[in-house]
Amino acid sequence: MTTTDELRSGTGTTHQIGMFADRLIGIVHTLAQPSLVQLVMRLALAVPFWRSGINKWDGFLQLKDTTVLLFSEEFMLHLPGGPYHYPAPAVFAFVSGCGEILFPILLVFGLATRFAATALLFMTCIVELTVPDGWPVHITWAAMALGIMAWGPGRLSLDYGIRHALGLPKGVY
């Protein structure tokens, strides 16, 4: 009997391997529920930005002196013909610090999720221009942000709960 005959008859080693593969795929589908994956992506994207943001502050709306110094002296935008110093480094430091705190909070709670992911994608692009050698990490951040933007926050989010409570169409969850 040939392999093709075994497949058609539903017997033999090939059929058993196929059934085993189907069981494994079923287990993977059970473990990797879309809403769980969306939650994990939100958390994974939020963590590095939160950690960076928390290190920029010395108190409520009080940037550390080193943060402004980094944006003034150390950080450079690697653009053609550059690198160039950041224009208005204190403003960039403040906006960056605020974004790195606010957007991860929104992601964790799943509130204004696509907006927060879009903002972090933009910030990732700026970070890449500042630290071009960090692209292996930055591309993973970009991929997570794009995934969240494309597929939304999932059912385990305030966005979903609010839409459900208001009886609005759920969109892509």
N, C-alpha and C. Protein backbone atom coordinates (compact mmCIF):
# COMPACT_ATOMS: atom_id res chain seq x y z
N MET A 1 0.86 -1.18 0.00
CA MET A 1 0.00 0.00 0.00
C MET A 1 0.90 1.24 0.00
N THR A 2 0.60 2.22 -0.83
CA THR A 2 1.39 3.44 -0.91
C THR A 2 0.91 4.44 0.14
N THR A 3 1.69 5.48 0.33
CA THR A 3 1.33 6.53 1.29
C THR A 3 0.01 7.17 0.90
N THR A 4 -0.21 7.38 -0.37
CA THR A 4 -1.46 7.96 -0.85
C THR A 4 -2.63 7.06 -0.50
N ASP A 5 -2.44 5.74 -0.69
CA ASP A 5 -3.50 4.79 -0.33
C ASP A 5 -3.77 4.80 1.17
N GLU A 6 -2.68 4.92 1.98
CA GLU A 6 -2.85 4.99 3.44
C GLU A 6 -3.68 6.21 3.83
N LEU A 7 -3.38 7.35 3.18
CA LEU A 7 -4.14 8.57 3.49
C LEU A 7 -5.60 8.40 3.13
N ARG A 8 -5.87 7.81 1.98
CA ARG A 8 -7.25 7.63 1.54
C ARG A 8 -8.00 6.66 2.44
N SER A 9 -7.32 5.61 2.87
CA SER A 9 -8.01 4.59 3.68
C SER A 9 -8.12 5.00 5.14
N GLY A 10 -7.32 5.97 5.56
CA GLY A 10 -7.39 6.43 6.95
C GLY A 10 -6.70 5.47 7.91
N THR A 11 -5.78 4.66 7.42
CA THR A 11 -5.06 3.73 8.28
C THR A 11 -3.58 3.94 8.08
N GLY A 12 -2.83 3.35 8.93
CA GLY A 12 -1.38 3.37 8.76
C GLY A 12 -0.71 4.49 9.52
N THR A 13 0.59 4.51 9.39
CA THR A 13 1.43 5.45 10.11
C THR A 13 1.14 6.90 9.72
N THR A 14 0.95 7.15 8.46
CA THR A 14 0.70 8.52 7.99
C THR A 14 -0.57 9.08 8.62
N HIS A 15 -1.59 8.28 8.69
CA HIS A 15 -2.85 8.71 9.30
C HIS A 15 -2.65 9.00 10.79
N GLN A 16 -1.89 8.17 11.47
CA GLN A 16 -1.65 8.37 12.90
C GLN A 16 -0.86 9.66 13.14
N ILE A 17 0.12 9.91 12.29
CA ILE A 17 0.90 11.15 12.42
C ILE A 17 -0.01 12.36 12.17
N GLY A 18 -0.87 12.26 11.17
CA GLY A 18 -1.82 13.34 10.89
C GLY A 18 -2.76 13.59 12.06
N MET A 19 -3.26 12.54 12.68
CA MET A 19 -4.16 12.68 13.84
C MET A 19 -3.41 13.31 15.02
N PHE A 20 -2.15 12.89 15.23
CA PHE A 20 -1.34 13.46 16.31
C PHE A 20 -1.10 14.95 16.06
N ALA A 21 -0.79 15.30 14.83
CA ALA A 21 -0.57 16.72 14.48
C ALA A 21 -1.85 17.52 14.71
N ASP A 22 -3.00 16.96 14.36
CA ASP A 22 -4.27 17.64 14.60
C ASP A 22 -4.50 17.88 16.09
N ARG A 23 -4.16 16.89 16.91
CA ARG A 23 -4.31 17.06 18.37
C ARG A 23 -3.40 18.17 18.88
N LEU A 24 -2.17 18.19 18.40
CA LEU A 24 -1.24 19.24 18.82
C LEU A 24 -1.72 20.62 18.39
N ILE A 25 -2.23 20.71 17.19
CA ILE A 25 -2.76 21.98 16.70
C ILE A 25 -3.95 22.41 17.56
N GLY A 26 -4.78 21.47 17.96
CA GLY A 26 -5.91 21.77 18.84
C GLY A 26 -5.44 22.32 20.18
N ILE A 27 -4.38 21.75 20.73
CA ILE A 27 -3.82 22.24 22.00
C ILE A 27 -3.29 23.66 21.82
N VAL A 28 -2.58 23.91 20.73
CA VAL A 28 -2.05 25.25 20.47
C VAL A 28 -3.18 26.25 20.34
N HIS A 29 -4.25 25.89 19.63
CA HIS A 29 -5.40 26.78 19.48
C HIS A 29 -6.05 27.07 20.83
N THR A 30 -6.10 26.07 21.69
CA THR A 30 -6.68 26.27 23.02
C THR A 30 -5.83 27.22 23.85
N LEU A 31 -4.52 27.06 23.79
CA LEU A 31 -3.63 27.91 24.59
C LEU A 31 -3.51 29.32 24.03
N ALA A 32 -3.48 29.46 22.73
CA ALA A 32 -3.24 30.76 22.09
C ALA A 32 -4.55 31.40 21.64
N GLN A 33 -5.45 31.62 22.59
CA GLN A 33 -6.70 32.30 22.27
C GLN A 33 -6.38 33.73 21.80
N PRO A 34 -7.05 34.20 20.76
CA PRO A 34 -6.74 35.54 20.24
C PRO A 34 -6.75 36.63 21.31
N SER A 35 -7.71 36.63 22.22
CA SER A 35 -7.75 37.68 23.24
C SER A 35 -6.56 37.59 24.19
N LEU A 36 -6.10 36.38 24.49
CA LEU A 36 -4.92 36.23 25.33
C LEU A 36 -3.68 36.73 24.60
N VAL A 37 -3.56 36.40 23.33
CA VAL A 37 -2.43 36.86 22.54
C VAL A 37 -2.43 38.39 22.46
N GLN A 38 -3.59 38.99 22.24
CA GLN A 38 -3.68 40.45 22.17
C GLN A 38 -3.30 41.09 23.50
N LEU A 39 -3.71 40.49 24.61
CA LEU A 39 -3.33 41.00 25.93
C LEU A 39 -1.82 40.91 26.13
N VAL A 40 -1.24 39.78 25.80
CA VAL A 40 0.20 39.61 25.96
C VAL A 40 0.97 40.59 25.09
N MET A 41 0.51 40.81 23.86
CA MET A 41 1.18 41.80 23.00
C MET A 41 1.11 43.20 23.61
N ARG A 42 -0.05 43.55 24.15
CA ARG A 42 -0.19 44.87 24.78
C ARG A 42 0.79 45.00 25.95
N LEU A 43 0.86 43.98 26.80
CA LEU A 43 1.76 44.03 27.95
C LEU A 43 3.22 44.06 27.52
N ALA A 44 3.56 43.24 26.53
CA ALA A 44 4.95 43.17 26.07
C ALA A 44 5.41 44.48 25.46
N LEU A 45 4.53 45.18 24.78
CA LEU A 45 4.89 46.48 24.21
C LEU A 45 4.94 47.55 25.29
N ALA A 46 4.08 47.46 26.27
CA ALA A 46 4.02 48.48 27.32
C ALA A 46 5.27 48.47 28.21
N VAL A 47 5.79 47.30 28.53
CA VAL A 47 6.86 47.19 29.52
C VAL A 47 8.12 48.00 29.19
N PRO A 48 8.73 47.86 28.00
CA PRO A 48 9.96 48.62 27.78
C PRO A 48 9.75 50.13 27.77
N PHE A 49 8.61 50.57 27.27
CA PHE A 49 8.35 52.01 27.27
C PHE A 49 8.10 52.51 28.69
N TRP A 50 7.35 51.77 29.49
CA TRP A 50 7.10 52.15 30.88
C TRP A 50 8.42 52.25 31.65
N ARG A 51 9.27 51.23 31.50
CA ARG A 51 10.54 51.22 32.22
C ARG A 51 11.40 52.41 31.83
N SER A 52 11.43 52.73 30.54
CA SER A 52 12.19 53.88 30.09
C SER A 52 11.59 55.18 30.63
N GLY A 53 10.26 55.26 30.58
CA GLY A 53 9.59 56.48 31.04
C GLY A 53 9.76 56.71 32.53
N ILE A 54 9.66 55.66 33.31
CA ILE A 54 9.76 55.81 34.77
C ILE A 54 11.15 56.29 35.18
N ASN A 55 12.16 55.97 34.36
CA ASN A 55 13.53 56.40 34.66
C ASN A 55 13.79 57.85 34.28
N LYS A 56 12.87 58.49 33.59
CA LYS A 56 13.06 59.88 33.17
C LYS A 56 12.58 60.89 34.22
N TRP A 57 11.81 60.44 35.21
CA TRP A 57 11.15 61.35 36.14
C TRP A 57 11.78 61.33 37.52
N ASP A 58 11.72 62.50 38.15
CA ASP A 58 12.22 62.68 39.52
C ASP A 58 11.08 63.02 40.46
N GLY A 59 9.88 63.01 39.98
CA GLY A 59 8.69 63.35 40.74
C GLY A 59 7.60 63.71 39.75
N PHE A 60 6.45 64.13 40.26
CA PHE A 60 5.33 64.46 39.39
C PHE A 60 5.68 65.63 38.49
N LEU A 61 5.69 65.38 37.17
CA LEU A 61 6.01 66.36 36.14
C LEU A 61 7.37 67.03 36.37
N GLN A 62 8.28 66.31 37.00
CA GLN A 62 9.62 66.82 37.28
C GLN A 62 10.64 65.88 36.64
N LEU A 63 11.17 66.28 35.50
CA LEU A 63 12.16 65.46 34.81
C LEU A 63 13.47 65.45 35.58
N LYS A 64 14.18 64.34 35.50
CA LYS A 64 15.53 64.27 36.06
C LYS A 64 16.44 65.16 35.21
N ASP A 65 17.42 65.75 35.84
CA ASP A 65 18.38 66.59 35.11
C ASP A 65 19.10 65.78 34.04
N THR A 66 19.39 64.52 34.34
CA THR A 66 20.10 63.68 33.38
C THR A 66 19.26 63.42 32.13
N THR A 67 17.94 63.42 32.28
CA THR A 67 17.08 63.19 31.11
C THR A 67 17.24 64.31 30.10
N VAL A 68 17.17 65.54 30.57
CA VAL A 68 17.33 66.69 29.67
C VAL A 68 18.75 66.71 29.12
N LEU A 69 19.72 66.37 29.94
CA LEU A 69 21.11 66.34 29.49
C LEU A 69 21.29 65.32 28.36
N LEU A 70 20.67 64.15 28.50
CA LEU A 70 20.75 63.14 27.45
C LEU A 70 20.20 63.66 26.13
N PHE A 71 19.03 64.31 26.18
CA PHE A 71 18.43 64.84 24.96
C PHE A 71 19.22 66.04 24.41
N SER A 72 19.95 66.73 25.27
CA SER A 72 20.75 67.89 24.84
C SER A 72 22.09 67.49 24.25
N GLU A 73 22.76 66.52 24.90
CA GLU A 73 24.14 66.22 24.54
C GLU A 73 24.36 64.85 23.90
N GLU A 74 23.70 63.84 24.44
CA GLU A 74 23.99 62.46 24.04
C GLU A 74 23.16 61.99 22.85
N PHE A 75 21.85 62.14 22.94
CA PHE A 75 20.96 61.63 21.89
C PHE A 75 21.08 62.48 20.64
N MET A 76 21.19 61.79 19.52
CA MET A 76 21.30 62.47 18.24
C MET A 76 20.35 61.78 17.26
N LEU A 77 19.81 62.56 16.34
CA LEU A 77 18.95 62.01 15.28
C LEU A 77 19.84 61.65 14.09
N HIS A 78 19.86 60.37 13.76
CA HIS A 78 20.70 59.87 12.67
C HIS A 78 19.90 59.94 11.36
N LEU A 79 19.93 61.11 10.77
CA LEU A 79 19.26 61.37 9.50
C LEU A 79 20.33 61.61 8.43
N PRO A 80 19.97 61.52 7.16
CA PRO A 80 20.97 61.79 6.12
C PRO A 80 21.63 63.15 6.32
N GLY A 81 22.97 63.15 6.22
CA GLY A 81 23.73 64.37 6.44
C GLY A 81 24.04 64.62 7.90
N GLY A 82 23.52 63.78 8.80
CA GLY A 82 23.67 63.97 10.24
C GLY A 82 24.77 63.14 10.81
N PRO A 83 24.76 62.90 12.07
CA PRO A 83 23.65 63.05 13.01
C PRO A 83 23.47 64.50 13.48
N TYR A 84 22.23 64.75 13.92
CA TYR A 84 21.84 66.09 14.37
C TYR A 84 21.39 66.04 15.81
N HIS A 85 21.64 67.15 16.54
CA HIS A 85 21.10 67.28 17.89
C HIS A 85 19.58 67.44 17.83
N TYR A 86 18.92 67.01 18.88
CA TYR A 86 17.48 67.21 18.97
C TYR A 86 17.18 68.70 19.06
N PRO A 87 16.20 69.18 18.28
CA PRO A 87 15.76 70.56 18.47
C PRO A 87 14.92 70.61 19.75
N ALA A 88 15.02 71.66 20.50
CA ALA A 88 14.26 71.83 21.74
C ALA A 88 14.36 70.57 22.62
N PRO A 89 15.55 70.23 23.08
CA PRO A 89 15.75 68.98 23.81
C PRO A 89 14.89 68.86 25.08
N ALA A 90 14.65 69.95 25.78
CA ALA A 90 13.83 69.88 26.99
C ALA A 90 12.39 69.50 26.64
N VAL A 91 11.90 70.03 25.53
CA VAL A 91 10.54 69.71 25.09
C VAL A 91 10.46 68.25 24.67
N PHE A 92 11.44 67.78 23.89
CA PHE A 92 11.46 66.38 23.47
C PHE A 92 11.56 65.45 24.68
N ALA A 93 12.38 65.82 25.65
CA ALA A 93 12.52 64.99 26.86
C ALA A 93 11.20 64.91 27.61
N PHE A 94 10.52 66.04 27.74
CA PHE A 94 9.25 66.07 28.47
C PHE A 94 8.17 65.27 27.74
N VAL A 95 8.04 65.50 26.44
CA VAL A 95 7.02 64.79 25.65
C VAL A 95 7.31 63.29 25.64
N SER A 96 8.58 62.94 25.48
CA SER A 96 8.97 61.53 25.49
C SER A 96 8.64 60.90 26.84
N GLY A 97 8.99 61.57 27.91
CA GLY A 97 8.71 61.05 29.25
C GLY A 97 7.23 60.88 29.51
N CYS A 98 6.44 61.85 29.07
CA CYS A 98 4.97 61.75 29.24
C CYS A 98 4.41 60.59 28.43
N GLY A 99 4.84 60.48 27.17
CA GLY A 99 4.34 59.42 26.31
C GLY A 99 4.72 58.04 26.81
N GLU A 100 5.93 57.92 27.35
CA GLU A 100 6.39 56.62 27.84
C GLU A 100 5.70 56.19 29.12
N ILE A 101 5.00 57.09 29.76
CA ILE A 101 4.19 56.74 30.93
C ILE A 101 2.73 56.54 30.52
N LEU A 102 2.18 57.49 29.78
CA LEU A 102 0.76 57.47 29.44
C LEU A 102 0.39 56.31 28.51
N PHE A 103 1.10 56.14 27.41
CA PHE A 103 0.70 55.14 26.41
C PHE A 103 0.80 53.70 26.93
N PRO A 104 1.82 53.34 27.72
CA PRO A 104 1.81 52.00 28.30
C PRO A 104 0.64 51.76 29.25
N ILE A 105 0.26 52.78 30.01
CA ILE A 105 -0.90 52.63 30.90
C ILE A 105 -2.15 52.35 30.07
N LEU A 106 -2.33 53.11 28.99
CA LEU A 106 -3.48 52.88 28.11
C LEU A 106 -3.45 51.47 27.53
N LEU A 107 -2.27 51.01 27.12
CA LEU A 107 -2.16 49.66 26.56
C LEU A 107 -2.52 48.59 27.58
N VAL A 108 -2.00 48.72 28.78
CA VAL A 108 -2.26 47.70 29.82
C VAL A 108 -3.75 47.59 30.09
N PHE A 109 -4.43 48.70 30.18
CA PHE A 109 -5.87 48.68 30.44
C PHE A 109 -6.69 48.44 29.18
N GLY A 110 -6.07 48.56 28.03
CA GLY A 110 -6.81 48.36 26.78
C GLY A 110 -7.78 49.50 26.53
N LEU A 111 -7.34 50.71 26.80
CA LEU A 111 -8.17 51.90 26.63
C LEU A 111 -7.51 52.79 25.56
N ALA A 112 -8.29 53.17 24.55
CA ALA A 112 -7.74 53.93 23.41
C ALA A 112 -6.53 53.18 22.86
N THR A 113 -6.68 51.88 22.76
CA THR A 113 -5.56 50.97 22.49
C THR A 113 -4.90 51.21 21.15
N ARG A 114 -5.69 51.34 20.11
CA ARG A 114 -5.09 51.55 18.79
C ARG A 114 -4.37 52.89 18.72
N PHE A 115 -4.91 53.90 19.36
CA PHE A 115 -4.24 55.21 19.44
C PHE A 115 -2.91 55.07 20.17
N ALA A 116 -2.90 54.39 21.32
CA ALA A 116 -1.68 54.22 22.10
C ALA A 116 -0.64 53.43 21.31
N ALA A 117 -1.06 52.38 20.63
CA ALA A 117 -0.13 51.58 19.83
C ALA A 117 0.44 52.40 18.68
N THR A 118 -0.38 53.24 18.07
CA THR A 118 0.10 54.10 16.98
C THR A 118 1.14 55.09 17.51
N ALA A 119 0.86 55.67 18.68
CA ALA A 119 1.81 56.61 19.29
C ALA A 119 3.13 55.91 19.62
N LEU A 120 3.06 54.68 20.13
CA LEU A 120 4.29 53.96 20.46
C LEU A 120 5.03 53.51 19.20
N LEU A 121 4.32 53.26 18.12
CA LEU A 121 4.99 52.98 16.86
C LEU A 121 5.76 54.21 16.38
N PHE A 122 5.13 55.38 16.49
CA PHE A 122 5.81 56.62 16.13
C PHE A 122 7.04 56.83 17.01
N MET A 123 6.88 56.60 18.32
CA MET A 123 8.01 56.75 19.23
C MET A 123 9.11 55.75 18.90
N THR A 124 8.74 54.55 18.50
CA THR A 124 9.72 53.54 18.11
C THR A 124 10.53 54.03 16.91
N CYS A 125 9.87 54.68 15.98
CA CYS A 125 10.58 55.23 14.81
C CYS A 125 11.59 56.29 15.25
N ILE A 126 11.22 57.13 16.19
CA ILE A 126 12.14 58.16 16.70
C ILE A 126 13.30 57.50 17.44
N VAL A 127 12.99 56.49 18.25
CA VAL A 127 14.04 55.76 18.97
C VAL A 127 15.01 55.12 17.97
N GLU A 128 14.48 54.56 16.90
CA GLU A 128 15.33 53.94 15.88
C GLU A 128 16.24 54.97 15.23
N LEU A 129 15.73 56.18 15.01
CA LEU A 129 16.57 57.24 14.44
C LEU A 129 17.64 57.69 15.44
N THR A 130 17.37 57.52 16.72
CA THR A 130 18.31 57.92 17.77
C THR A 130 19.34 56.82 18.03
N VAL A 131 18.90 55.57 18.02
CA VAL A 131 19.77 54.43 18.31
C VAL A 131 19.64 53.42 17.16
N PRO A 132 20.24 53.71 16.02
CA PRO A 132 20.03 52.85 14.86
C PRO A 132 20.52 51.41 15.04
N ASP A 133 21.49 51.20 15.91
CA ASP A 133 21.99 49.84 16.13
C ASP A 133 21.02 48.97 16.92
N GLY A 134 19.97 49.58 17.45
CA GLY A 134 18.99 48.83 18.24
C GLY A 134 17.87 48.23 17.42
N TRP A 135 18.02 48.20 16.10
CA TRP A 135 16.92 47.77 15.23
C TRP A 135 16.39 46.37 15.54
N PRO A 136 17.21 45.40 16.00
CA PRO A 136 16.59 44.08 16.28
C PRO A 136 15.50 44.15 17.36
N VAL A 137 15.68 45.00 18.34
CA VAL A 137 14.66 45.19 19.37
C VAL A 137 13.55 46.08 18.86
N HIS A 138 13.92 47.15 18.19
CA HIS A 138 12.93 48.11 17.70
C HIS A 138 11.95 47.49 16.72
N ILE A 139 12.43 46.56 15.91
CA ILE A 139 11.52 45.94 14.94
C ILE A 139 10.49 45.06 15.65
N THR A 140 10.86 44.47 16.78
CA THR A 140 9.87 43.69 17.54
C THR A 140 8.82 44.62 18.15
N TRP A 141 9.26 45.79 18.63
CA TRP A 141 8.29 46.77 19.15
C TRP A 141 7.35 47.20 18.04
N ALA A 142 7.91 47.47 16.87
CA ALA A 142 7.09 47.90 15.73
C ALA A 142 6.10 46.81 15.34
N ALA A 143 6.56 45.56 15.33
CA ALA A 143 5.66 44.45 14.98
C ALA A 143 4.52 44.33 15.97
N MET A 144 4.81 44.46 17.27
CA MET A 144 3.74 44.39 18.28
C MET A 144 2.78 45.56 18.11
N ALA A 145 3.31 46.76 17.91
CA ALA A 145 2.44 47.93 17.74
C ALA A 145 1.55 47.75 16.52
N LEU A 146 2.11 47.29 15.42
CA LEU A 146 1.32 47.08 14.21
C LEU A 146 0.26 45.99 14.42
N GLY A 147 0.62 44.92 15.13
CA GLY A 147 -0.35 43.88 15.43
C GLY A 147 -1.51 44.40 16.25
N ILE A 148 -1.22 45.22 17.24
CA ILE A 148 -2.27 45.81 18.08
C ILE A 148 -3.12 46.77 17.25
N MET A 149 -2.47 47.56 16.41
CA MET A 149 -3.21 48.48 15.55
C MET A 149 -4.13 47.72 14.60
N ALA A 150 -3.65 46.60 14.06
CA ALA A 150 -4.43 45.85 13.08
C ALA A 150 -5.56 45.05 13.72
N TRP A 151 -5.29 44.37 14.83
CA TRP A 151 -6.26 43.43 15.40
C TRP A 151 -6.93 43.94 16.66
N GLY A 152 -6.55 45.12 17.13
CA GLY A 152 -7.21 45.72 18.28
C GLY A 152 -6.76 45.12 19.59
N PRO A 153 -7.40 45.56 20.67
CA PRO A 153 -6.97 45.17 22.01
C PRO A 153 -7.45 43.80 22.46
N GLY A 154 -8.45 43.26 21.81
CA GLY A 154 -9.01 41.98 22.24
C GLY A 154 -10.14 42.17 23.24
N ARG A 155 -10.74 41.04 23.61
CA ARG A 155 -11.89 41.07 24.52
C ARG A 155 -11.49 41.42 25.95
N LEU A 156 -10.22 41.22 26.30
CA LEU A 156 -9.75 41.52 27.65
C LEU A 156 -9.24 42.96 27.71
N SER A 157 -10.14 43.90 27.44
CA SER A 157 -9.75 45.31 27.40
C SER A 157 -10.94 46.20 27.78
N LEU A 158 -10.61 47.39 28.24
CA LEU A 158 -11.67 48.37 28.53
C LEU A 158 -12.35 48.82 27.24
N ASP A 159 -11.59 48.92 26.15
CA ASP A 159 -12.20 49.29 24.86
C ASP A 159 -13.35 48.34 24.54
N TYR A 160 -13.10 47.06 24.66
CA TYR A 160 -14.13 46.06 24.35
C TYR A 160 -15.30 46.18 25.34
N GLY A 161 -14.98 46.30 26.63
CA GLY A 161 -16.03 46.41 27.64
C GLY A 161 -16.91 47.64 27.45
N ILE A 162 -16.31 48.75 27.11
CA ILE A 162 -17.07 49.99 26.89
C ILE A 162 -17.97 49.84 25.67
N ARG A 163 -17.42 49.31 24.59
CA ARG A 163 -18.24 49.12 23.38
C ARG A 163 -19.38 48.15 23.66
N HIS A 164 -19.11 47.10 24.43
CA HIS A 164 -20.15 46.13 24.78
C HIS A 164 -21.23 46.79 25.64
N ALA A 165 -20.81 47.57 26.64
CA ALA A 165 -21.77 48.22 27.54
C ALA A 165 -22.64 49.24 26.80
N LEU A 166 -22.08 49.90 25.81
CA LEU A 166 -22.82 50.90 25.05
C LEU A 166 -23.59 50.30 23.88
N GLY A 167 -23.42 49.00 23.66
CA GLY A 167 -24.12 48.33 22.57
C GLY A 167 -23.60 48.72 21.19
N LEU A 168 -22.34 49.15 21.12
CA LEU A 168 -21.74 49.53 19.85
C LEU A 168 -21.20 48.30 19.13
N PRO A 169 -21.04 48.38 17.83
CA PRO A 169 -20.44 47.25 17.11
C PRO A 169 -19.04 46.99 17.67
N LYS A 170 -18.70 45.72 17.75
CA LYS A 170 -17.44 45.35 18.39
C LYS A 170 -16.23 45.59 17.51
N GLY A 171 -16.38 45.67 16.22
CA GLY A 171 -15.22 45.85 15.35
C GLY A 171 -14.38 44.59 15.35
N VAL A 172 -13.08 44.76 15.22
CA VAL A 172 -12.17 43.61 15.18
C VAL A 172 -11.64 43.37 16.59
N TYR A 173 -12.07 42.28 17.21
CA TYR A 173 -11.58 41.89 18.53
C TYR A 173 -11.29 40.44 18.49
